[in-house]
């Protein structure tokens, strides 16, 4: 991009240009839980994502944050760089920052993984006449968005379910 030429009325990085480098553990070792809160229908489930339950996940995020900082400090990104916004403080303990800033990448799957709770025909083990056709049957978190995989599961389920 030629910064001397105005883009949308702006002429340089100080007038609205910037970039974001995101860090995420795409194949976490930690596993959370979803449990019933009680026997009352409609009661919200008890969710424990157990982020960083396995220390390898925290190590991976910290390594990713360090790499993001190195990329952000590169000469190639210089024209768009003013200052790091988040976490911002170069002296901040990245492990502590990662613990405070942790959030879901919105791809939780596997609570009823095929092989463990659901058979290869998507039937829930131990309950006749109940099939599961959503992201909960995925045994592993896909690296991309889950929607295409869920569509494939639903399409396969349509051919498997018999009443």
N, C-alpha and C. Protein backbone atom coordinates (compact mmCIF):
# COMPACT_ATOMS: atom_id res chain seq x y z
N UNK A 1 0.85 -1.17 0.00
CA UNK A 1 0.00 0.00 0.00
C UNK A 1 0.90 1.23 0.00
N UNK A 2 0.60 2.17 -0.83
CA UNK A 2 1.34 3.43 -0.90
C UNK A 2 0.73 4.39 0.13
N UNK A 3 1.46 4.64 1.22
CA UNK A 3 0.92 5.48 2.29
C UNK A 3 0.89 6.96 1.92
N UNK A 4 1.59 7.33 0.85
CA UNK A 4 1.55 8.73 0.43
C UNK A 4 0.23 9.05 -0.27
N UNK A 5 -0.43 8.03 -0.78
CA UNK A 5 -1.71 8.21 -1.49
C UNK A 5 -2.84 8.04 -0.48
N UNK A 6 -3.74 9.00 -0.37
CA UNK A 6 -4.85 8.87 0.58
C UNK A 6 -5.72 7.65 0.28
N UNK A 7 -6.10 6.95 1.33
CA UNK A 7 -7.00 5.80 1.24
C UNK A 7 -8.17 6.10 2.15
N UNK A 8 -9.34 6.17 1.58
CA UNK A 8 -10.55 6.51 2.35
C UNK A 8 -10.36 7.80 3.15
N UNK A 9 -9.63 8.74 2.58
CA UNK A 9 -9.43 10.03 3.24
C UNK A 9 -8.26 10.08 4.20
N UNK A 10 -7.62 8.93 4.45
CA UNK A 10 -6.49 8.89 5.38
C UNK A 10 -5.19 8.87 4.60
N UNK A 11 -4.15 9.45 5.17
CA UNK A 11 -2.87 9.50 4.47
C UNK A 11 -1.76 8.74 5.17
N UNK A 12 -2.01 8.13 6.30
CA UNK A 12 -0.93 7.41 6.95
C UNK A 12 -1.39 6.63 8.15
N UNK A 13 -0.47 5.87 8.76
CA UNK A 13 -0.84 5.00 9.87
C UNK A 13 -1.38 5.75 11.07
N UNK A 14 -0.93 6.97 11.27
CA UNK A 14 -1.40 7.72 12.43
C UNK A 14 -2.86 8.12 12.31
N UNK A 15 -3.46 7.88 11.14
CA UNK A 15 -4.85 8.28 10.93
C UNK A 15 -5.76 7.09 10.73
N UNK A 16 -5.55 6.03 11.47
CA UNK A 16 -6.50 4.94 11.46
C UNK A 16 -6.01 3.61 10.96
N UNK A 17 -4.80 3.52 10.44
CA UNK A 17 -4.29 2.23 9.98
C UNK A 17 -3.76 1.46 11.17
N UNK A 18 -3.74 0.15 11.05
CA UNK A 18 -3.21 -0.69 12.11
C UNK A 18 -3.34 -2.14 11.71
N UNK A 19 -3.06 -3.01 12.62
CA UNK A 19 -3.17 -4.44 12.35
C UNK A 19 -3.41 -5.17 13.67
N UNK A 20 -3.88 -6.38 13.56
CA UNK A 20 -4.11 -7.24 14.71
C UNK A 20 -3.44 -8.58 14.47
N UNK A 21 -2.77 -9.07 15.46
CA UNK A 21 -2.21 -10.41 15.41
C UNK A 21 -2.85 -11.17 16.56
N UNK A 22 -3.62 -12.19 16.23
CA UNK A 22 -4.30 -12.98 17.26
C UNK A 22 -3.55 -14.26 17.55
N UNK A 23 -3.63 -14.71 18.79
CA UNK A 23 -2.98 -15.95 19.22
C UNK A 23 -4.06 -16.87 19.78
N UNK A 24 -4.04 -18.11 19.34
CA UNK A 24 -5.01 -19.08 19.83
C UNK A 24 -4.41 -20.48 19.81
N UNK A 25 -4.76 -21.28 20.79
CA UNK A 25 -4.37 -22.69 20.80
C UNK A 25 -5.42 -23.44 19.99
N UNK A 26 -5.05 -23.89 18.82
CA UNK A 26 -6.01 -24.54 17.92
C UNK A 26 -6.20 -26.03 18.24
N UNK A 27 -5.26 -26.63 18.93
CA UNK A 27 -5.39 -28.04 19.31
C UNK A 27 -5.04 -28.17 20.79
N UNK A 28 -5.94 -27.68 21.66
CA UNK A 28 -5.63 -27.69 23.09
C UNK A 28 -5.55 -29.10 23.68
N UNK A 29 -4.70 -29.21 24.67
CA UNK A 29 -4.59 -30.47 25.42
C UNK A 29 -5.59 -30.48 26.58
N UNK A 30 -5.94 -29.30 27.08
CA UNK A 30 -6.88 -29.18 28.20
C UNK A 30 -8.27 -29.61 27.75
N UNK A 31 -9.02 -30.16 28.66
CA UNK A 31 -10.39 -30.57 28.39
C UNK A 31 -11.28 -30.06 29.51
N UNK A 32 -12.39 -29.47 29.13
CA UNK A 32 -13.35 -28.97 30.10
C UNK A 32 -14.49 -29.95 30.27
N UNK A 33 -15.52 -29.49 30.97
CA UNK A 33 -16.68 -30.34 31.21
C UNK A 33 -17.97 -29.55 31.04
N UNK A 34 -19.02 -30.29 30.70
CA UNK A 34 -20.40 -29.78 30.69
C UNK A 34 -21.17 -30.77 31.54
N UNK A 35 -21.81 -30.26 32.61
CA UNK A 35 -22.56 -31.15 33.51
C UNK A 35 -23.95 -30.58 33.76
N UNK A 36 -24.85 -31.44 34.11
CA UNK A 36 -26.19 -31.00 34.49
C UNK A 36 -26.12 -30.33 35.85
N UNK A 37 -26.86 -29.25 36.00
CA UNK A 37 -26.92 -28.54 37.28
C UNK A 37 -27.88 -29.23 38.24
N UNK A 38 -28.77 -30.03 37.71
CA UNK A 38 -29.76 -30.73 38.52
C UNK A 38 -30.79 -31.36 37.62
N UNK A 39 -31.87 -31.83 38.22
CA UNK A 39 -32.91 -32.53 37.47
C UNK A 39 -33.97 -31.59 36.91
N UNK A 40 -33.87 -30.30 37.17
CA UNK A 40 -34.88 -29.36 36.72
C UNK A 40 -34.71 -29.10 35.22
N UNK A 41 -35.75 -29.40 34.42
CA UNK A 41 -35.64 -29.12 32.98
C UNK A 41 -35.42 -27.63 32.74
N UNK A 42 -34.58 -27.32 31.81
CA UNK A 42 -34.31 -25.93 31.47
C UNK A 42 -33.25 -25.26 32.31
N UNK A 43 -32.76 -25.93 33.34
CA UNK A 43 -31.71 -25.35 34.16
C UNK A 43 -30.43 -25.23 33.33
N UNK A 44 -29.75 -24.12 33.47
CA UNK A 44 -28.51 -23.91 32.73
C UNK A 44 -27.47 -24.96 33.14
N UNK A 45 -26.74 -25.49 32.18
CA UNK A 45 -25.72 -26.49 32.53
C UNK A 45 -24.54 -25.84 33.25
N UNK A 46 -23.77 -26.66 33.91
CA UNK A 46 -22.55 -26.20 34.58
C UNK A 46 -21.40 -26.39 33.59
N UNK A 47 -20.82 -25.28 33.18
CA UNK A 47 -19.74 -25.30 32.20
C UNK A 47 -18.42 -24.99 32.88
N UNK A 48 -17.42 -25.80 32.64
CA UNK A 48 -16.07 -25.53 33.11
C UNK A 48 -15.13 -25.76 31.93
N UNK A 49 -14.74 -24.69 31.23
CA UNK A 49 -13.88 -24.86 30.06
C UNK A 49 -12.47 -25.36 30.42
N UNK A 50 -12.06 -25.20 31.67
CA UNK A 50 -10.77 -25.69 32.15
C UNK A 50 -9.61 -25.19 31.29
N UNK A 51 -9.69 -23.91 30.88
CA UNK A 51 -8.59 -23.33 30.11
C UNK A 51 -7.28 -23.52 30.87
N UNK A 52 -6.28 -23.90 30.18
CA UNK A 52 -4.94 -24.08 30.73
C UNK A 52 -4.89 -25.15 31.81
N UNK A 53 -5.86 -26.06 31.81
CA UNK A 53 -5.80 -27.20 32.73
C UNK A 53 -4.56 -28.03 32.46
N UNK A 54 -4.13 -28.04 31.22
CA UNK A 54 -2.88 -28.69 30.84
C UNK A 54 -1.87 -27.57 30.59
N UNK A 55 -0.76 -27.56 31.30
CA UNK A 55 0.20 -26.45 31.19
C UNK A 55 0.77 -26.26 29.78
N UNK A 56 0.70 -27.27 28.94
CA UNK A 56 1.20 -27.11 27.57
C UNK A 56 0.42 -26.05 26.81
N UNK A 57 -0.86 -25.87 27.13
CA UNK A 57 -1.67 -24.86 26.45
C UNK A 57 -1.22 -23.45 26.81
N UNK A 58 -0.94 -23.21 28.07
CA UNK A 58 -0.44 -21.90 28.50
C UNK A 58 0.93 -21.64 27.88
N UNK A 59 1.78 -22.66 27.85
CA UNK A 59 3.10 -22.52 27.22
C UNK A 59 2.95 -22.14 25.75
N UNK A 60 1.99 -22.77 25.05
CA UNK A 60 1.78 -22.48 23.62
C UNK A 60 1.30 -21.05 23.41
N UNK A 61 0.40 -20.57 24.26
CA UNK A 61 -0.10 -19.20 24.13
C UNK A 61 1.01 -18.20 24.39
N UNK A 62 1.81 -18.42 25.40
CA UNK A 62 2.92 -17.50 25.69
C UNK A 62 3.91 -17.49 24.54
N UNK A 63 4.22 -18.65 23.98
CA UNK A 63 5.12 -18.71 22.81
C UNK A 63 4.50 -17.95 21.65
N UNK A 64 3.19 -18.09 21.46
CA UNK A 64 2.49 -17.37 20.39
C UNK A 64 2.51 -15.87 20.60
N UNK A 65 2.34 -15.42 21.83
CA UNK A 65 2.40 -13.98 22.13
C UNK A 65 3.79 -13.42 21.86
N UNK A 66 4.81 -14.19 22.23
CA UNK A 66 6.19 -13.73 21.95
C UNK A 66 6.43 -13.64 20.44
N UNK A 67 5.96 -14.63 19.71
CA UNK A 67 6.11 -14.61 18.25
C UNK A 67 5.32 -13.45 17.65
N UNK A 68 4.11 -13.21 18.14
CA UNK A 68 3.31 -12.08 17.64
C UNK A 68 4.04 -10.77 17.86
N UNK A 69 4.69 -10.62 19.00
CA UNK A 69 5.45 -9.40 19.27
C UNK A 69 6.63 -9.26 18.29
N UNK A 70 7.30 -10.38 18.00
CA UNK A 70 8.42 -10.31 17.04
C UNK A 70 7.92 -9.93 15.66
N UNK A 71 6.79 -10.52 15.25
CA UNK A 71 6.22 -10.19 13.94
C UNK A 71 5.80 -8.72 13.92
N UNK A 72 5.14 -8.28 14.98
CA UNK A 72 4.69 -6.90 15.06
C UNK A 72 5.82 -5.90 15.06
N UNK A 73 6.99 -6.30 15.55
CA UNK A 73 8.14 -5.41 15.59
C UNK A 73 8.93 -5.41 14.28
N UNK A 74 8.50 -6.21 13.32
CA UNK A 74 9.24 -6.32 12.06
C UNK A 74 9.20 -5.01 11.27
N UNK A 75 10.21 -4.83 10.46
CA UNK A 75 10.29 -3.62 9.61
C UNK A 75 9.12 -3.56 8.64
N UNK A 76 8.66 -4.71 8.17
CA UNK A 76 7.57 -4.73 7.20
C UNK A 76 6.29 -4.11 7.76
N UNK A 77 6.06 -4.22 9.04
CA UNK A 77 4.86 -3.67 9.65
C UNK A 77 5.09 -2.28 10.23
N UNK A 78 6.29 -1.80 10.14
CA UNK A 78 6.65 -0.49 10.69
C UNK A 78 5.72 0.65 10.30
N UNK A 79 5.33 0.77 9.02
CA UNK A 79 4.47 1.90 8.64
C UNK A 79 3.11 1.91 9.33
N UNK A 80 2.68 0.77 9.85
CA UNK A 80 1.36 0.71 10.49
C UNK A 80 1.45 0.66 12.01
N UNK A 81 2.67 0.62 12.54
CA UNK A 81 2.86 0.42 13.97
C UNK A 81 3.07 1.75 14.68
N UNK A 82 2.28 1.96 15.70
CA UNK A 82 2.52 3.08 16.61
C UNK A 82 2.98 2.48 17.93
N UNK A 83 2.09 1.76 18.58
CA UNK A 83 2.42 1.10 19.85
C UNK A 83 1.53 -0.13 19.99
N UNK A 84 2.02 -1.10 20.71
CA UNK A 84 1.23 -2.29 20.99
C UNK A 84 0.08 -1.90 21.90
N UNK A 85 -1.14 -2.23 21.49
CA UNK A 85 -2.31 -1.87 22.29
C UNK A 85 -2.57 -2.89 23.39
N UNK A 86 -2.47 -4.17 23.07
CA UNK A 86 -2.77 -5.23 24.04
C UNK A 86 -1.74 -6.34 23.87
N UNK A 87 -1.06 -6.82 24.88
CA UNK A 87 -1.17 -6.36 26.25
C UNK A 87 -0.54 -5.01 26.51
N UNK A 88 0.32 -4.53 25.61
CA UNK A 88 0.80 -3.17 25.72
C UNK A 88 2.07 -3.00 26.52
N UNK A 89 2.14 -3.51 27.69
CA UNK A 89 3.31 -3.34 28.55
C UNK A 89 4.34 -4.42 28.23
N UNK A 90 5.50 -4.05 27.69
CA UNK A 90 6.49 -5.07 27.33
C UNK A 90 7.07 -5.80 28.54
N UNK A 91 6.92 -5.24 29.73
CA UNK A 91 7.44 -5.88 30.94
C UNK A 91 6.41 -6.78 31.62
N UNK A 92 5.19 -6.77 31.10
CA UNK A 92 4.12 -7.58 31.69
C UNK A 92 4.44 -9.06 31.57
N UNK A 93 4.18 -9.80 32.61
CA UNK A 93 4.34 -11.25 32.60
C UNK A 93 3.31 -11.83 31.63
N UNK A 94 3.75 -12.39 30.53
CA UNK A 94 2.82 -12.90 29.51
C UNK A 94 2.00 -14.07 30.01
N UNK A 95 2.52 -14.84 30.94
CA UNK A 95 1.73 -15.95 31.51
C UNK A 95 0.53 -15.39 32.28
N UNK A 96 0.78 -14.36 33.07
CA UNK A 96 -0.31 -13.74 33.83
C UNK A 96 -1.31 -13.08 32.88
N UNK A 97 -0.81 -12.39 31.86
CA UNK A 97 -1.70 -11.78 30.87
C UNK A 97 -2.57 -12.84 30.21
N UNK A 98 -1.98 -13.95 29.79
CA UNK A 98 -2.73 -15.02 29.12
C UNK A 98 -3.80 -15.60 30.04
N UNK A 99 -3.49 -15.74 31.30
CA UNK A 99 -4.49 -16.26 32.26
C UNK A 99 -5.68 -15.29 32.40
N UNK A 100 -5.38 -13.99 32.44
CA UNK A 100 -6.45 -12.99 32.61
C UNK A 100 -7.26 -12.79 31.34
N UNK A 101 -6.64 -12.91 30.18
CA UNK A 101 -7.29 -12.58 28.91
C UNK A 101 -7.87 -13.79 28.18
N UNK A 102 -7.80 -14.96 28.77
CA UNK A 102 -8.25 -16.17 28.08
C UNK A 102 -9.73 -16.09 27.71
N UNK A 103 -10.03 -16.59 26.52
CA UNK A 103 -11.41 -16.64 26.04
C UNK A 103 -11.53 -17.79 25.06
N UNK A 104 -12.74 -18.19 24.81
CA UNK A 104 -12.98 -19.28 23.86
C UNK A 104 -12.78 -18.81 22.43
N UNK A 105 -12.29 -19.70 21.61
CA UNK A 105 -12.20 -19.45 20.18
C UNK A 105 -13.51 -19.88 19.51
N UNK A 106 -14.49 -20.18 20.34
CA UNK A 106 -15.86 -20.49 19.92
C UNK A 106 -15.98 -21.77 19.12
N UNK A 107 -15.14 -22.74 19.38
CA UNK A 107 -15.23 -24.01 18.68
C UNK A 107 -15.30 -25.19 19.64
N UNK A 108 -16.03 -25.08 20.74
CA UNK A 108 -16.08 -26.23 21.64
C UNK A 108 -16.80 -27.40 21.00
N UNK A 109 -16.21 -28.54 21.08
CA UNK A 109 -16.79 -29.77 20.52
C UNK A 109 -16.42 -30.93 21.42
N UNK A 110 -16.99 -32.09 21.13
CA UNK A 110 -16.51 -33.32 21.72
C UNK A 110 -17.15 -33.77 23.01
N UNK A 111 -18.22 -33.14 23.47
CA UNK A 111 -18.83 -33.58 24.73
C UNK A 111 -19.48 -34.95 24.60
N UNK A 112 -19.81 -35.36 23.37
CA UNK A 112 -20.39 -36.68 23.11
C UNK A 112 -19.62 -37.35 21.96
N UNK A 113 -18.31 -37.38 22.09
CA UNK A 113 -17.44 -37.80 20.99
C UNK A 113 -17.79 -39.19 20.44
N UNK A 114 -17.74 -39.28 19.12
CA UNK A 114 -17.92 -40.57 18.46
C UNK A 114 -16.87 -41.53 19.00
N UNK A 115 -17.32 -42.71 19.34
CA UNK A 115 -16.42 -43.72 19.89
C UNK A 115 -16.56 -43.84 21.39
N UNK A 116 -16.75 -42.72 22.07
CA UNK A 116 -16.86 -42.76 23.53
C UNK A 116 -18.32 -42.85 23.96
N UNK A 117 -19.13 -41.90 23.53
CA UNK A 117 -20.51 -41.79 23.99
C UNK A 117 -21.50 -42.10 22.86
N UNK A 118 -21.06 -41.81 21.64
CA UNK A 118 -21.89 -42.01 20.45
C UNK A 118 -21.20 -43.03 19.56
N UNK A 119 -21.98 -43.95 18.98
CA UNK A 119 -21.35 -44.94 18.10
C UNK A 119 -21.13 -44.36 16.70
N UNK A 120 -20.56 -45.15 15.81
CA UNK A 120 -20.23 -44.68 14.47
C UNK A 120 -21.44 -44.33 13.62
N UNK A 121 -22.63 -44.75 14.07
CA UNK A 121 -23.88 -44.39 13.38
C UNK A 121 -24.59 -43.23 14.06
N UNK A 122 -23.89 -42.55 14.96
CA UNK A 122 -24.38 -41.38 15.69
C UNK A 122 -25.47 -41.69 16.71
N UNK A 123 -25.58 -42.97 17.08
CA UNK A 123 -26.55 -43.37 18.11
C UNK A 123 -25.92 -43.18 19.48
N UNK A 124 -26.68 -42.58 20.40
CA UNK A 124 -26.21 -42.40 21.76
C UNK A 124 -26.19 -43.76 22.44
N UNK A 125 -25.05 -44.15 22.95
CA UNK A 125 -24.93 -45.46 23.60
C UNK A 125 -25.81 -45.53 24.84
N UNK A 126 -26.55 -46.61 24.96
CA UNK A 126 -27.38 -46.84 26.14
C UNK A 126 -28.78 -46.29 26.07
N UNK A 127 -29.12 -45.54 25.03
CA UNK A 127 -30.47 -45.00 24.89
C UNK A 127 -30.97 -45.31 23.48
N UNK A 128 -31.94 -46.20 23.38
CA UNK A 128 -32.47 -46.58 22.07
C UNK A 128 -33.24 -45.42 21.44
N UNK A 129 -33.06 -45.25 20.14
CA UNK A 129 -33.83 -44.27 19.38
C UNK A 129 -33.35 -42.83 19.52
N UNK A 130 -32.14 -42.62 20.03
CA UNK A 130 -31.62 -41.26 20.17
C UNK A 130 -30.30 -41.13 19.42
N UNK A 131 -30.29 -40.24 18.43
CA UNK A 131 -29.10 -39.96 17.65
C UNK A 131 -28.63 -38.55 17.98
N UNK A 132 -27.35 -38.30 17.77
CA UNK A 132 -26.77 -36.97 18.00
C UNK A 132 -26.12 -36.54 16.70
N UNK A 133 -26.49 -35.35 16.24
CA UNK A 133 -25.95 -34.86 14.96
C UNK A 133 -25.56 -33.39 15.09
N UNK A 134 -24.52 -33.13 15.87
CA UNK A 134 -24.00 -31.76 16.01
C UNK A 134 -22.51 -31.83 16.33
N UNK A 135 -21.93 -30.70 16.65
CA UNK A 135 -20.50 -30.63 16.90
C UNK A 135 -20.04 -31.41 18.11
N UNK A 136 -20.97 -31.80 18.97
CA UNK A 136 -20.56 -32.53 20.17
C UNK A 136 -20.00 -33.92 19.84
N UNK A 137 -20.29 -34.46 18.64
CA UNK A 137 -19.78 -35.78 18.29
C UNK A 137 -18.36 -35.75 17.73
N UNK A 138 -17.84 -34.56 17.45
CA UNK A 138 -16.46 -34.46 16.94
C UNK A 138 -15.48 -34.84 18.04
N UNK A 139 -14.62 -35.80 17.78
CA UNK A 139 -13.67 -36.20 18.82
C UNK A 139 -12.54 -35.21 19.03
N UNK A 140 -12.28 -34.35 18.04
CA UNK A 140 -11.22 -33.36 18.12
C UNK A 140 -11.71 -32.02 17.59
N UNK A 141 -11.11 -30.95 18.07
CA UNK A 141 -11.47 -29.61 17.62
C UNK A 141 -10.86 -29.37 16.25
N UNK A 142 -11.66 -29.04 15.23
CA UNK A 142 -11.08 -28.73 13.92
C UNK A 142 -10.36 -27.38 13.96
N UNK A 143 -9.35 -27.23 13.10
CA UNK A 143 -8.58 -25.99 13.08
C UNK A 143 -9.38 -24.84 12.49
N UNK A 144 -10.36 -25.13 11.64
CA UNK A 144 -11.17 -24.09 11.03
C UNK A 144 -12.50 -23.96 11.74
N UNK A 145 -13.36 -23.16 11.16
CA UNK A 145 -14.71 -23.02 11.72
C UNK A 145 -15.42 -24.36 11.71
N UNK A 146 -16.27 -24.55 12.70
CA UNK A 146 -16.93 -25.85 12.85
C UNK A 146 -18.17 -25.99 11.97
N UNK A 147 -18.67 -24.90 11.40
CA UNK A 147 -19.96 -24.98 10.71
C UNK A 147 -19.96 -25.96 9.54
N UNK A 148 -18.93 -26.00 8.71
CA UNK A 148 -18.91 -26.92 7.57
C UNK A 148 -18.89 -28.37 8.05
N UNK A 149 -18.15 -28.63 9.10
CA UNK A 149 -18.09 -29.99 9.64
C UNK A 149 -19.44 -30.40 10.22
N UNK A 150 -20.11 -29.48 10.89
CA UNK A 150 -21.44 -29.79 11.43
C UNK A 150 -22.43 -30.06 10.30
N UNK A 151 -22.34 -29.30 9.21
CA UNK A 151 -23.21 -29.57 8.05
C UNK A 151 -22.97 -30.99 7.54
N UNK A 152 -21.71 -31.40 7.46
CA UNK A 152 -21.39 -32.74 6.98
C UNK A 152 -21.93 -33.81 7.93
N UNK A 153 -21.81 -33.57 9.22
CA UNK A 153 -22.35 -34.51 10.21
C UNK A 153 -23.87 -34.62 10.04
N UNK A 154 -24.55 -33.49 9.91
CA UNK A 154 -26.00 -33.49 9.77
C UNK A 154 -26.43 -34.19 8.48
N UNK A 155 -25.71 -33.97 7.40
CA UNK A 155 -26.04 -34.64 6.14
C UNK A 155 -25.86 -36.15 6.26
N UNK A 156 -24.79 -36.56 6.92
CA UNK A 156 -24.56 -38.00 7.13
C UNK A 156 -25.63 -38.57 8.04
N UNK A 157 -26.00 -37.83 9.07
CA UNK A 157 -27.03 -38.29 10.00
C UNK A 157 -28.37 -38.50 9.30
N UNK A 158 -28.67 -37.65 8.34
CA UNK A 158 -29.94 -37.77 7.62
C UNK A 158 -30.03 -39.12 6.91
N UNK A 159 -28.90 -39.65 6.48
CA UNK A 159 -28.90 -40.96 5.84
C UNK A 159 -28.81 -42.11 6.82
N UNK A 160 -28.41 -41.85 8.05
CA UNK A 160 -28.24 -42.92 9.04
C UNK A 160 -29.46 -43.13 9.92
N UNK A 161 -30.19 -42.06 10.21
CA UNK A 161 -31.27 -42.14 11.17
C UNK A 161 -32.45 -42.89 10.59
N UNK A 162 -32.84 -43.91 11.29
CA UNK A 162 -34.02 -44.70 10.90
C UNK A 162 -35.00 -44.74 12.05
N UNK A 163 -36.26 -44.62 11.73
CA UNK A 163 -37.28 -44.61 12.78
C UNK A 163 -38.18 -45.83 12.63
